[in-house]
Amino acid sequence: MGVLNRAEIKERMNESDYSKKLLVTPLLTENQIDAASVDIRLGSSIIIPKKTYVDQQDVTDRATIHQVEHRLYDRTKLKHKSKFVLHPNHLILGVTFEYLSLPYDLFCTIMSRSSWGRLGLVVATAAAVQPGYKGCLTLELVNLSESPIALYPGLPVGQLVFHHVPSKGAEAVYSGRYNCSTEAELPKFFARDTDKELAFWGGESQRVGGSESTLDS
């Protein structure tokens, strides 16, 4: 599985066959295309986790996970040139300024840019983008430094690296839960049939008659 270089990225972006075309738009400057990656900018949609006094966020419990998801987060929109201060050890969910459309023979990874990483900003802790994905990308941004970091919409905070994958047998439709997003997205547990397995590990499977049971050690 090889990595696309600059020439290959440009070639796929200029592809007239939309089944093979790579779309990353808008690019404010061609300089965003590097030797083997494309720089991505922070968009305006931000999700901020609230401080909470619940004992835990148990993603195996279908009955409460959706309440937790929407009760523990605030959404905001950053205006042009407005500043958001990310404090040490805090996490926010941001969105990319760019919209991405991947053909079915390309896989993408999101990486932090080195200068931001050395400052203490980690971008995209969940970094895999599956073939066929369409939409803006939600970025998990964490400040691991000892000082607050100022963020602005439009700043190039990350980069996309594209990988060739065999196209034979590729799925006709992307089946992920975050397709065609245009804003930062909350976590979506129990959004697919495969999430039914979550209940096996705790939550529902350990509740008997409405009360929690304890597994024997």
C-alpha atoms as a PDB file:
ATOM      1  CA  MET A   1       0.000   0.000   0.000  1.00  0.00           C
ATOM      2  CA  GLY A   2       1.992   2.984  -1.302  1.00  0.00           C
ATOM      3  CA  VAL A   3       1.699   6.658  -0.344  1.00  0.00           C
ATOM      4  CA  LEU A   4       0.702   9.190  -3.016  1.00  0.00           C
ATOM      5  CA  ASN A   5       3.317  11.847  -3.782  1.00  0.00           C
ATOM      6  CA  ARG A   6       2.614  15.408  -4.901  1.00  0.00           C
ATOM      7  CA  ALA A   7       2.379  14.553  -8.587  1.00  0.00           C
ATOM      8  CA  GLU A   8      -0.009  11.642  -7.927  1.00  0.00           C
ATOM      9  CA  ILE A   9      -2.174  13.759  -5.602  1.00  0.00           C
ATOM     10  CA  LYS A  10      -2.522  16.452  -8.285  1.00  0.00           C
ATOM     11  CA  GLU A  11      -3.237  13.824 -10.924  1.00  0.00           C
ATOM     12  CA  ARG A  12      -6.045  12.307  -8.849  1.00  0.00           C
ATOM     13  CA  MET A  13      -7.452  15.766  -8.086  1.00  0.00           C
ATOM     14  CA  ASN A  14      -7.585  16.526 -11.825  1.00  0.00           C
ATOM     15  CA  GLU A  15      -9.127  13.152 -12.690  1.00  0.00           C
ATOM     16  CA  SER A  16     -12.234  13.538 -14.892  1.00  0.00           C
ATOM     17  CA  ASP A  17     -13.600  10.124 -13.871  1.00  0.00           C
ATOM     18  CA  TYR A  18     -15.407  10.806 -10.581  1.00  0.00           C
ATOM     19  CA  SER A  19     -15.029   7.188  -9.484  1.00  0.00           C
ATOM     20  CA  LYS A  20     -11.262   7.844  -9.365  1.00  0.00           C
ATOM     21  CA  LYS A  21     -11.246  11.533  -8.454  1.00  0.00           C
ATOM     22  CA  LEU A  22      -9.776  12.791  -5.175  1.00  0.00           C
ATOM     23  CA  LEU A  23     -11.526  15.914  -3.906  1.00  0.00           C
ATOM     24  CA  VAL A  24     -10.127  18.178  -1.184  1.00  0.00           C
ATOM     25  CA  THR A  25     -11.877  21.529  -1.376  1.00  0.00           C
ATOM     26  CA  PRO A  26     -11.479  24.421  -1.019  1.00  0.00           C
ATOM     27  CA  LEU A  27      -7.698  24.683  -1.173  1.00  0.00           C
ATOM     28  CA  LEU A  28      -6.795  28.303  -0.418  1.00  0.00           C
ATOM     29  CA  THR A  29      -3.362  27.832  -1.968  1.00  0.00           C
ATOM     30  CA  GLU A  30      -1.651  25.115  -3.988  1.00  0.00           C
ATOM     31  CA  ASN A  31       1.085  25.209  -1.342  1.00  0.00           C
ATOM     32  CA  GLN A  32      -1.239  23.082   0.786  1.00  0.00           C
ATOM     33  CA  ILE A  33      -0.138  20.159  -1.400  1.00  0.00           C
ATOM     34  CA  ASP A  34       3.188  19.036   0.024  1.00  0.00           C
ATOM     35  CA  ALA A  35       5.647  16.353  -1.108  1.00  0.00           C
ATOM     36  CA  ALA A  36       3.382  13.513   0.074  1.00  0.00           C
ATOM     37  CA  SER A  37       0.463  15.138   1.930  1.00  0.00           C
ATOM     38  CA  VAL A  38      -2.187  17.863   1.848  1.00  0.00           C
ATOM     39  CA  ASP A  39      -2.419  20.429   4.640  1.00  0.00           C
ATOM     40  CA  ILE A  40      -5.854  20.835   6.233  1.00  0.00           C
ATOM     41  CA  ARG A  41      -7.185  23.866   8.073  1.00  0.00           C
ATOM     42  CA  LEU A  42      -9.338  24.261  11.168  1.00  0.00           C
ATOM     43  CA  GLY A  43     -12.931  25.132  10.329  1.00  0.00           C
ATOM     44  CA  SER A  44     -15.442  27.123  12.352  1.00  0.00           C
ATOM     45  CA  SER A  45     -17.488  24.342  14.009  1.00  0.00           C
ATOM     46  CA  ILE A  46     -16.270  23.430  17.508  1.00  0.00           C
ATOM     47  CA  ILE A  47     -17.639  20.996  20.110  1.00  0.00           C
ATOM     48  CA  ILE A  48     -16.486  21.604  23.687  1.00  0.00           C
ATOM     49  CA  PRO A  49     -16.862  18.848  26.322  1.00  0.00           C
ATOM     50  CA  LYS A  50     -18.382  20.099  29.582  1.00  0.00           C
ATOM     51  CA  LYS A  51     -17.026  19.268  32.992  1.00  0.00           C
ATOM     52  CA  THR A  52     -19.200  16.536  34.409  1.00  0.00           C
ATOM     53  CA  TYR A  53     -19.860  14.918  37.746  1.00  0.00           C
ATOM     54  CA  VAL A  54     -21.323  11.693  36.382  1.00  0.00           C
ATOM     55  CA  ASP A  55     -19.411   8.698  37.676  1.00  0.00           C
ATOM     56  CA  GLN A  56     -18.534   7.466  34.188  1.00  0.00           C
ATOM     57  CA  GLN A  57     -19.410   7.519  30.513  1.00  0.00           C
ATOM     58  CA  ASP A  58     -20.365   3.912  29.867  1.00  0.00           C
ATOM     59  CA  VAL A  59     -20.585   3.424  26.100  1.00  0.00           C
ATOM     60  CA  THR A  60     -21.924  -0.122  26.538  1.00  0.00           C
ATOM     61  CA  ASP A  61     -25.213   1.150  27.997  1.00  0.00           C
ATOM     62  CA  ARG A  62     -27.596   1.926  25.140  1.00  0.00           C
ATOM     63  CA  ALA A  63     -30.174   3.464  27.499  1.00  0.00           C
ATOM     64  CA  THR A  64     -27.918   6.286  28.675  1.00  0.00           C
ATOM     65  CA  ILE A  65     -25.220   6.820  26.029  1.00  0.00           C
ATOM     66  CA  HIS A  66     -27.307   9.132  23.825  1.00  0.00           C
ATOM     67  CA  GLN A  67     -28.260  11.264  26.844  1.00  0.00           C
ATOM     68  CA  VAL A  68     -24.605  11.489  27.863  1.00  0.00           C
ATOM     69  CA  GLU A  69     -23.504  12.442  24.342  1.00  0.00           C
ATOM     70  CA  HIS A  70     -25.822  15.427  24.102  1.00  0.00           C
ATOM     71  CA  ARG A  71     -25.778  16.530  27.742  1.00  0.00           C
ATOM     72  CA  LEU A  72     -22.011  16.781  28.124  1.00  0.00           C
ATOM     73  CA  TYR A  73     -21.061  18.867  25.090  1.00  0.00           C
ATOM     74  CA  ASP A  74     -21.515  22.462  23.896  1.00  0.00           C
ATOM     75  CA  ARG A  75     -21.437  23.502  20.244  1.00  0.00           C
ATOM     76  CA  THR A  76     -20.084  26.824  19.056  1.00  0.00           C
ATOM     77  CA  LYS A  77     -19.131  28.536  15.793  1.00  0.00           C
ATOM     78  CA  LEU A  78     -15.910  30.496  15.443  1.00  0.00           C
ATOM     79  CA  LYS A  79     -16.189  33.725  13.470  1.00  0.00           C
ATOM     80  CA  HIS A  80     -13.560  34.936  11.015  1.00  0.00           C
ATOM     81  CA  LYS A  81     -10.340  35.771  12.908  1.00  0.00           C
ATOM     82  CA  SER A  82     -11.974  34.915  16.242  1.00  0.00           C
ATOM     83  CA  LYS A  83      -9.746  33.176  18.791  1.00  0.00           C
ATOM     84  CA  PHE A  84     -10.360  29.996  20.735  1.00  0.00           C
ATOM     85  CA  VAL A  85      -8.017  29.246  23.630  1.00  0.00           C
ATOM     86  CA  LEU A  86      -7.337  25.547  24.191  1.00  0.00           C
ATOM     87  CA  HIS A  87      -6.114  25.041  27.747  1.00  0.00           C
ATOM     88  CA  PRO A  88      -3.637  22.378  28.910  1.00  0.00           C
ATOM     89  CA  ASN A  89      -5.022  18.820  29.084  1.00  0.00           C
ATOM     90  CA  HIS A  90      -8.272  19.860  27.406  1.00  0.00           C
ATOM     91  CA  LEU A  91      -9.836  18.202  24.364  1.00  0.00           C
ATOM     92  CA  ILE A  92     -12.162  19.738  21.801  1.00  0.00           C
ATOM     93  CA  LEU A  93     -13.715  18.442  18.596  1.00  0.00           C
ATOM     94  CA  GLY A  94     -13.116  20.657  15.576  1.00  0.00           C
ATOM     95  CA  VAL A  95     -13.953  20.320  11.902  1.00  0.00           C
ATOM     96  CA  THR A  96     -11.811  20.703   8.833  1.00  0.00           C
ATOM     97  CA  PHE A  97     -12.306  23.738   6.623  1.00  0.00           C
ATOM     98  CA  GLU A  98     -11.933  21.385   3.661  1.00  0.00           C
ATOM     99  CA  TYR A  99     -14.497  18.904   2.352  1.00  0.00           C
ATOM    100  CA  LEU A 100     -13.050  15.525   1.380  1.00  0.00           C
ATOM    101  CA  SER A 101     -14.225  12.919  -1.119  1.00  0.00           C
ATOM    102  CA  LEU A 102     -12.192   9.710  -1.381  1.00  0.00           C
ATOM    103  CA  PRO A 103     -12.433   7.246  -4.284  1.00  0.00           C
ATOM    104  CA  TYR A 104     -12.640   3.556  -3.408  1.00  0.00           C
ATOM    105  CA  ASP A 105      -8.970   2.853  -4.062  1.00  0.00           C
ATOM    106  CA  LEU A 106      -7.610   5.471  -1.650  1.00  0.00           C
ATOM    107  CA  PHE A 107      -7.301   5.322   2.144  1.00  0.00           C
ATOM    108  CA  CYS A 108      -6.395   8.427   4.138  1.00  0.00           C
ATOM    109  CA  THR A 109      -4.705   9.109   7.472  1.00  0.00           C
ATOM    110  CA  ILE A 110      -4.827  12.382   9.434  1.00  0.00           C
ATOM    111  CA  MET A 111      -1.616  13.533  11.056  1.00  0.00           C
ATOM    112  CA  SER A 112      -0.518  16.457  13.203  1.00  0.00           C
ATOM    113  CA  ARG A 113       1.841  18.966  11.658  1.00  0.00           C
ATOM    114  CA  SER A 114       5.273  18.813  13.249  1.00  0.00           C
ATOM    115  CA  SER A 115       5.438  22.446  14.426  1.00  0.00           C
ATOM    116  CA  TRP A 116       2.092  22.171  16.195  1.00  0.00           C
ATOM    117  CA  GLY A 117       3.134  18.843  17.683  1.00  0.00           C
ATOM    118  CA  ARG A 118       6.257  20.404  19.142  1.00  0.00           C
ATOM    119  CA  LEU A 119       4.081  23.117  20.652  1.00  0.00           C
ATOM    120  CA  GLY A 120       2.010  20.398  22.344  1.00  0.00           C
ATOM    121  CA  LEU A 121      -1.049  20.293  20.083  1.00  0.00           C
ATOM    122  CA  VAL A 122      -2.106  16.786  19.052  1.00  0.00           C
ATOM    123  CA  VAL A 123      -4.522  16.618  16.127  1.00  0.00           C
ATOM    124  CA  ALA A 124      -6.750  13.672  15.205  1.00  0.00           C
ATOM    125  CA  THR A 125      -6.395  10.979  17.815  1.00  0.00           C
ATOM    126  CA  ALA A 126      -8.716   8.897  15.596  1.00  0.00           C
ATOM    127  CA  ALA A 127      -6.848   9.217  12.325  1.00  0.00           C
ATOM    128  CA  ALA A 128      -8.212   6.704   9.791  1.00  0.00           C
ATOM    129  CA  VAL A 129     -10.464   7.757   6.895  1.00  0.00           C
ATOM    130  CA  GLN A 130     -11.937   4.841   4.964  1.00  0.00           C
ATOM    131  CA  PRO A 131     -12.156   4.591   1.148  1.00  0.00           C
ATOM    132  CA  GLY A 132     -15.318   6.166  -0.240  1.00  0.00           C
ATOM    133  CA  TYR A 133     -15.716   8.688   2.598  1.00  0.00           C
ATOM    134  CA  LYS A 134     -17.315  12.027   1.760  1.00  0.00           C
ATOM    135  CA  GLY A 135     -17.571  15.000   4.106  1.00  0.00           C
ATOM    136  CA  CYS A 136     -15.626  17.326   6.359  1.00  0.00           C
ATOM    137  CA  LEU A 137     -13.490  15.578   8.966  1.00  0.00           C
ATOM    138  CA  THR A 138     -13.923  15.862  12.715  1.00  0.00           C
ATOM    139  CA  LEU A 139     -10.588  16.540  14.415  1.00  0.00           C
ATOM    140  CA  GLU A 140      -9.847  15.619  18.019  1.00  0.00           C
ATOM    141  CA  LEU A 141      -7.532  18.382  19.269  1.00  0.00           C
ATOM    142  CA  VAL A 142      -5.729  17.967  22.595  1.00  0.00           C
ATOM    143  CA  ASN A 143      -3.331  20.395  24.274  1.00  0.00           C
ATOM    144  CA  LEU A 144      -0.585  18.322  25.926  1.00  0.00           C
ATOM    145  CA  SER A 145       1.568  21.337  26.795  1.00  0.00           C
ATOM    146  CA  GLU A 146       1.705  23.331  30.024  1.00  0.00           C
ATOM    147  CA  SER A 147       0.486  26.550  28.364  1.00  0.00           C
ATOM    148  CA  PRO A 148      -2.783  27.567  26.657  1.00  0.00           C
ATOM    149  CA  ILE A 149      -2.741  27.492  22.846  1.00  0.00           C
ATOM    150  CA  ALA A 150      -4.642  30.033  20.721  1.00  0.00           C
ATOM    151  CA  LEU A 151      -6.493  28.573  17.740  1.00  0.00           C
ATOM    152  CA  TYR A 152      -8.150  30.422  14.852  1.00  0.00           C
ATOM    153  CA  PRO A 153     -10.396  29.176  12.036  1.00  0.00           C
ATOM    154  CA  GLY A 154      -8.314  28.805   8.902  1.00  0.00           C
ATOM    155  CA  LEU A 155      -5.078  27.785  10.603  1.00  0.00           C
ATOM    156  CA  PRO A 156      -3.386  24.761   8.932  1.00  0.00           C
ATOM    157  CA  VAL A 157      -3.262  22.378  11.896  1.00  0.00           C
ATOM    158  CA  GLY A 158      -2.999  18.959  10.261  1.00  0.00           C
ATOM    159  CA  GLN A 159      -2.234  17.034   7.107  1.00  0.00           C
ATOM    160  CA  LEU A 160      -3.752  14.225   5.071  1.00  0.00           C
ATOM    161  CA  VAL A 161      -1.649  11.342   3.779  1.00  0.00           C
ATOM    162  CA  PHE A 162      -3.201   9.226   1.026  1.00  0.00           C
ATOM    163  CA  HIS A 163      -2.521   5.522   0.511  1.00  0.00           C
ATOM    164  CA  HIS A 164      -3.243   3.245  -2.455  1.00  0.00           C
ATOM    165  CA  VAL A 165      -5.455   0.252  -1.644  1.00  0.00           C
ATOM    166  CA  PRO A 166      -6.575  -2.556  -3.986  1.00  0.00           C
ATOM    167  CA  SER A 167      -9.829  -1.516  -5.635  1.00  0.00           C
ATOM    168  CA  LYS A 168     -10.947  -5.044  -6.505  1.00  0.00           C
ATOM    169  CA  GLY A 169     -13.930  -6.015  -4.378  1.00  0.00           C
ATOM    170  CA  ALA A 170     -14.354  -2.492  -2.964  1.00  0.00           C
ATOM    171  CA  GLU A 171     -17.728  -1.720  -1.407  1.00  0.00           C
ATOM    172  CA  ALA A 172     -20.067   0.244  -3.664  1.00  0.00           C
ATOM    173  CA  VAL A 173     -21.208   2.512  -0.827  1.00  0.00           C
ATOM    174  CA  TYR A 174     -19.271   3.819   2.190  1.00  0.00           C
ATOM    175  CA  SER A 175     -21.012   2.423   5.282  1.00  0.00           C
ATOM    176  CA  GLY A 176     -19.489   4.522   8.080  1.00  0.00           C
ATOM    177  CA  ARG A 177     -21.556   6.484  10.578  1.00  0.00           C
ATOM    178  CA  TYR A 178     -20.126   9.947   9.884  1.00  0.00           C
ATOM    179  CA  ASN A 179     -20.571  10.221   6.110  1.00  0.00           C
ATOM    180  CA  CYS A 180     -21.258  13.644   4.524  1.00  0.00           C
ATOM    181  CA  SER A 181     -20.591  15.580   7.728  1.00  0.00           C
ATOM    182  CA  THR A 182     -20.181  19.342   7.375  1.00  0.00           C
ATOM    183  CA  GLU A 183     -19.720  20.151  11.081  1.00  0.00           C
ATOM    184  CA  ALA A 184     -17.850  18.637  14.008  1.00  0.00           C
ATOM    185  CA  GLU A 185     -19.619  15.420  14.998  1.00  0.00           C
ATOM    186  CA  LEU A 186     -20.385  13.968  18.422  1.00  0.00           C
ATOM    187  CA  PRO A 187     -19.513  10.304  19.009  1.00  0.00           C
ATOM    188  CA  LYS A 188     -22.204   8.001  17.644  1.00  0.00           C
ATOM    189  CA  PHE A 189     -22.352   4.771  19.583  1.00  0.00           C
ATOM    190  CA  PHE A 190     -25.080   2.252  18.735  1.00  0.00           C
ATOM    191  CA  ALA A 191     -25.414   3.921  15.325  1.00  0.00           C
ATOM    192  CA  ARG A 192     -24.703   0.683  13.458  1.00  0.00           C
ATOM    193  CA  ASP A 193     -25.636  -2.968  13.875  1.00  0.00           C
ATOM    194  CA  THR A 194     -22.032  -3.814  14.727  1.00  0.00           C
ATOM    195  CA  ASP A 195     -22.369  -1.702  17.874  1.00  0.00           C
ATOM    196  CA  LYS A 196     -24.755  -4.269  19.344  1.00  0.00           C
ATOM    197  CA  GLU A 197     -21.634  -6.029  20.584  1.00  0.00           C
ATOM    198  CA  LEU A 198     -21.022  -3.147  23.014  1.00  0.00           C
ATOM    199  CA  ALA A 199     -23.884  -4.283  25.235  1.00  0.00           C
ATOM    200  CA  PHE A 200     -22.205  -7.676  25.707  1.00  0.00           C
ATOM    201  CA  TRP A 201     -19.235  -6.113  27.532  1.00  0.00           C
ATOM    202  CA  GLY A 202     -21.192  -4.321  30.231  1.00  0.00           C
ATOM    203  CA  GLY A 203     -24.186  -2.003  30.319  1.00  0.00           C
ATOM    204  CA  GLU A 204     -27.241  -3.994  29.395  1.00  0.00           C
ATOM    205  CA  SER A 205     -25.754  -7.478  29.786  1.00  0.00           C
ATOM    206  CA  GLN A 206     -24.828  -6.903  33.423  1.00  0.00           C
ATOM    207  CA  ARG A 207     -28.173  -5.486  34.486  1.00  0.00           C
ATOM    208  CA  VAL A 208     -30.569  -8.065  35.872  1.00  0.00           C
ATOM    209  CA  GLY A 209     -34.093  -7.009  36.798  1.00  0.00           C
ATOM    210  CA  GLY A 210     -33.213  -3.327  36.503  1.00  0.00           C
ATOM    211  CA  SER A 211     -30.228  -3.528  38.879  1.00  0.00           C
ATOM    212  CA  GLU A 212     -26.531  -3.969  38.180  1.00  0.00           C
ATOM    213  CA  SER A 213     -24.958  -7.356  38.759  1.00  0.00           C
ATOM    214  CA  THR A 214     -21.293  -7.943  39.483  1.00  0.00           C
ATOM    215  CA  LEU A 215     -19.248 -10.473  37.543  1.00  0.00           C
ATOM    216  CA  ASP A 216     -17.408 -13.027  39.633  1.00  0.00           C
ATOM    217  CA  SER A 217     -13.625 -12.596  39.628  1.00  0.00           C
END
